[in-house]
Amino acid sequence: MGLAAALHALSRGLLNASLRIDPHNDTNMRAFARAATKTPPSRKGGEIKDSTIVEECLEVSRQLHAAGFPRKRVFCTSNTNDYCDTGSSLHPTLAADFAAVGLSFVTNLPWAVHEMKT
């Protein structure tokens, strides 16, 4: 199997194993507030996409945490410009939000896989 076919099969497998999250007014409003106040990951303001992803992930993690879900939850992005401070550490605002729901942060997929296995 060629690389392109293998990546396509991996992508299809991930999509088939995923669950769709329906839009929710509470997460949408929190995402809008992040963008309006330029709260990371929306540093430039008006960037709603990353804010929506974060708020939806936080909500799922919040619900899993409240239900006593025992397994690790990891947020993975290579977008260090918007998610990290001047170094490679998660921005303190996001770090507090992630810690509150037991969500780990990584910046690459191999690291995410490692975190899930340990």
C-alpha atoms as a PDB file:
ATOM      1  CA  MET A   1       0.000   0.000   0.000  1.00  0.00           C
ATOM      2  CA  GLY A   2       1.392   3.377  -0.985  1.00  0.00           C
ATOM      3  CA  LEU A   3       1.740   6.254   1.444  1.00  0.00           C
ATOM      4  CA  ALA A   4      -1.220   8.172   0.026  1.00  0.00           C
ATOM      5  CA  ALA A   5      -3.475   5.118   0.243  1.00  0.00           C
ATOM      6  CA  ALA A   6      -2.304   4.367   3.791  1.00  0.00           C
ATOM      7  CA  LEU A   7      -2.993   7.946   4.903  1.00  0.00           C
ATOM      8  CA  HIS A   8      -6.401   7.847   3.229  1.00  0.00           C
ATOM      9  CA  ALA A   9      -7.230   4.565   5.014  1.00  0.00           C
ATOM     10  CA  LEU A  10      -6.065   6.012   8.351  1.00  0.00           C
ATOM     11  CA  SER A  11      -8.152   9.128   7.799  1.00  0.00           C
ATOM     12  CA  ARG A  12     -11.217   7.057   6.893  1.00  0.00           C
ATOM     13  CA  GLY A  13     -10.722   4.894   9.981  1.00  0.00           C
ATOM     14  CA  LEU A  14     -10.520   7.940  12.239  1.00  0.00           C
ATOM     15  CA  LEU A  15     -13.661   9.437  10.720  1.00  0.00           C
ATOM     16  CA  ASN A  16     -15.539   6.138  10.995  1.00  0.00           C
ATOM     17  CA  ALA A  17     -14.582   5.825  14.669  1.00  0.00           C
ATOM     18  CA  SER A  18     -15.546   9.399  15.544  1.00  0.00           C
ATOM     19  CA  LEU A  19     -18.754  10.767  16.965  1.00  0.00           C
ATOM     20  CA  ARG A  20     -20.311  13.941  15.638  1.00  0.00           C
ATOM     21  CA  ILE A  21     -20.937  16.653  18.211  1.00  0.00           C
ATOM     22  CA  ASP A  22     -24.024  18.702  17.531  1.00  0.00           C
ATOM     23  CA  PRO A  23     -23.714  22.466  17.973  1.00  0.00           C
ATOM     24  CA  HIS A  24     -24.680  23.672  21.428  1.00  0.00           C
ATOM     25  CA  ASN A  25     -25.609  27.243  22.331  1.00  0.00           C
ATOM     26  CA  ASP A  26     -23.517  27.293  25.537  1.00  0.00           C
ATOM     27  CA  THR A  27     -20.295  26.238  23.809  1.00  0.00           C
ATOM     28  CA  ASN A  28     -20.995  28.579  20.903  1.00  0.00           C
ATOM     29  CA  MET A  29     -21.450  31.530  23.277  1.00  0.00           C
ATOM     30  CA  ARG A  30     -18.266  30.693  25.197  1.00  0.00           C
ATOM     31  CA  ALA A  31     -16.385  30.429  21.888  1.00  0.00           C
ATOM     32  CA  PHE A  32     -17.771  33.785  20.792  1.00  0.00           C
ATOM     33  CA  ALA A  33     -16.708  35.324  24.129  1.00  0.00           C
ATOM     34  CA  ARG A  34     -13.164  33.962  23.656  1.00  0.00           C
ATOM     35  CA  ALA A  35     -12.970  35.494  20.193  1.00  0.00           C
ATOM     36  CA  ALA A  36     -14.485  38.812  21.277  1.00  0.00           C
ATOM     37  CA  THR A  37     -12.104  39.193  24.237  1.00  0.00           C
ATOM     38  CA  LYS A  38      -9.078  37.848  22.332  1.00  0.00           C
ATOM     39  CA  THR A  39      -8.696  35.069  24.880  1.00  0.00           C
ATOM     40  CA  PRO A  40      -6.452  32.256  23.606  1.00  0.00           C
ATOM     41  CA  PRO A  41      -6.570  30.585  21.261  1.00  0.00           C
ATOM     42  CA  SER A  42      -8.147  33.691  19.706  1.00  0.00           C
ATOM     43  CA  ARG A  43      -5.288  36.168  20.121  1.00  0.00           C
ATOM     44  CA  LYS A  44      -6.154  38.355  17.153  1.00  0.00           C
ATOM     45  CA  GLY A  45      -9.852  38.553  17.936  1.00  0.00           C
ATOM     46  CA  GLY A  46     -12.640  37.428  15.695  1.00  0.00           C
ATOM     47  CA  GLU A  47     -11.105  33.964  15.240  1.00  0.00           C
ATOM     48  CA  ILE A  48     -14.009  31.761  16.174  1.00  0.00           C
ATOM     49  CA  LYS A  49     -12.916  28.413  14.685  1.00  0.00           C
ATOM     50  CA  ASP A  50     -10.184  27.558  17.202  1.00  0.00           C
ATOM     51  CA  SER A  51     -12.269  28.966  20.039  1.00  0.00           C
ATOM     52  CA  THR A  52     -15.172  26.720  19.042  1.00  0.00           C
ATOM     53  CA  ILE A  53     -12.914  23.668  18.886  1.00  0.00           C
ATOM     54  CA  VAL A  54     -11.532  24.453  22.355  1.00  0.00           C
ATOM     55  CA  GLU A  55     -14.941  25.067  23.907  1.00  0.00           C
ATOM     56  CA  GLU A  56     -16.426  21.907  22.440  1.00  0.00           C
ATOM     57  CA  CYS A  57     -13.446  19.866  23.615  1.00  0.00           C
ATOM     58  CA  LEU A  58     -13.635  21.415  27.081  1.00  0.00           C
ATOM     59  CA  GLU A  59     -17.359  20.625  27.281  1.00  0.00           C
ATOM     60  CA  VAL A  60     -16.870  16.983  26.288  1.00  0.00           C
ATOM     61  CA  SER A  61     -14.014  16.711  28.796  1.00  0.00           C
ATOM     62  CA  ARG A  62     -16.152  18.419  31.456  1.00  0.00           C
ATOM     63  CA  GLN A  63     -18.919  15.887  30.938  1.00  0.00           C
ATOM     64  CA  LEU A  64     -16.527  12.928  30.889  1.00  0.00           C
ATOM     65  CA  HIS A  65     -14.806  14.217  34.038  1.00  0.00           C
ATOM     66  CA  ALA A  66     -18.159  14.661  35.822  1.00  0.00           C
ATOM     67  CA  ALA A  67     -19.217  11.142  34.816  1.00  0.00           C
ATOM     68  CA  GLY A  68     -16.034   9.696  36.326  1.00  0.00           C
ATOM     69  CA  PHE A  69     -14.465   8.707  33.006  1.00  0.00           C
ATOM     70  CA  PRO A  70     -11.104   7.249  34.097  1.00  0.00           C
ATOM     71  CA  ARG A  71      -9.087   7.369  30.866  1.00  0.00           C
ATOM     72  CA  LYS A  72      -6.795  10.153  29.692  1.00  0.00           C
ATOM     73  CA  ARG A  73      -8.042  12.922  27.474  1.00  0.00           C
ATOM     74  CA  VAL A  74      -5.526  14.703  25.241  1.00  0.00           C
ATOM     75  CA  PHE A  75      -5.865  17.847  23.121  1.00  0.00           C
ATOM     76  CA  CYS A  76      -3.389  17.834  20.237  1.00  0.00           C
ATOM     77  CA  THR A  77      -2.527  20.759  17.976  1.00  0.00           C
ATOM     78  CA  SER A  78       0.577  21.914  16.164  1.00  0.00           C
ATOM     79  CA  ASN A  79      -0.760  25.493  16.259  1.00  0.00           C
ATOM     80  CA  THR A  80       1.646  26.761  18.912  1.00  0.00           C
ATOM     81  CA  ASN A  81       1.237  30.367  17.719  1.00  0.00           C
ATOM     82  CA  ASP A  82      -2.311  30.538  19.057  1.00  0.00           C
ATOM     83  CA  TYR A  83      -2.259  27.967  21.859  1.00  0.00           C
ATOM     84  CA  CYS A  84       1.124  28.536  23.486  1.00  0.00           C
ATOM     85  CA  ASP A  85       2.790  31.442  25.242  1.00  0.00           C
ATOM     86  CA  THR A  86       6.123  32.827  24.020  1.00  0.00           C
ATOM     87  CA  GLY A  87       7.749  29.463  24.697  1.00  0.00           C
ATOM     88  CA  SER A  88       6.268  26.095  23.857  1.00  0.00           C
ATOM     89  CA  SER A  89       4.087  25.900  26.962  1.00  0.00           C
ATOM     90  CA  LEU A  90       0.334  26.052  26.803  1.00  0.00           C
ATOM     91  CA  HIS A  91      -0.940  29.595  27.398  1.00  0.00           C
ATOM     92  CA  PRO A  92      -1.770  30.002  31.132  1.00  0.00           C
ATOM     93  CA  THR A  93      -5.448  30.752  30.448  1.00  0.00           C
ATOM     94  CA  LEU A  94      -5.822  27.567  28.435  1.00  0.00           C
ATOM     95  CA  ALA A  95      -3.709  25.609  30.925  1.00  0.00           C
ATOM     96  CA  ALA A  96      -6.153  26.499  33.707  1.00  0.00           C
ATOM     97  CA  ASP A  97      -9.155  25.573  31.546  1.00  0.00           C
ATOM     98  CA  PHE A  98      -7.589  22.260  30.508  1.00  0.00           C
ATOM     99  CA  ALA A  99      -6.475  21.348  34.035  1.00  0.00           C
ATOM    100  CA  ALA A 100      -9.971  21.969  35.411  1.00  0.00           C
ATOM    101  CA  VAL A 101     -11.337  19.135  33.279  1.00  0.00           C
ATOM    102  CA  GLY A 102      -8.298  16.816  33.307  1.00  0.00           C
ATOM    103  CA  LEU A 103      -7.320  17.519  29.711  1.00  0.00           C
ATOM    104  CA  SER A 104      -3.666  17.187  28.688  1.00  0.00           C
ATOM    105  CA  PHE A 105      -2.098  19.284  25.934  1.00  0.00           C
ATOM    106  CA  VAL A 106       0.418  18.142  23.310  1.00  0.00           C
ATOM    107  CA  THR A 107       1.735  19.620  20.089  1.00  0.00           C
ATOM    108  CA  ASN A 108       2.185  16.567  17.885  1.00  0.00           C
ATOM    109  CA  LEU A 109       0.471  13.263  17.177  1.00  0.00           C
ATOM    110  CA  PRO A 110       3.292  10.935  18.304  1.00  0.00           C
ATOM    111  CA  TRP A 111       3.301  12.739  21.662  1.00  0.00           C
ATOM    112  CA  ALA A 112      -0.494  12.365  21.868  1.00  0.00           C
ATOM    113  CA  VAL A 113      -0.248   8.643  21.169  1.00  0.00           C
ATOM    114  CA  HIS A 114       2.457   8.316  23.826  1.00  0.00           C
ATOM    115  CA  GLU A 115       0.291  10.146  26.359  1.00  0.00           C
ATOM    116  CA  MET A 116      -2.671   7.896  25.644  1.00  0.00           C
ATOM    117  CA  LYS A 117      -0.562   4.782  26.176  1.00  0.00           C
ATOM    118  CA  THR A 118       1.006   5.828  29.492  1.00  0.00           C
END
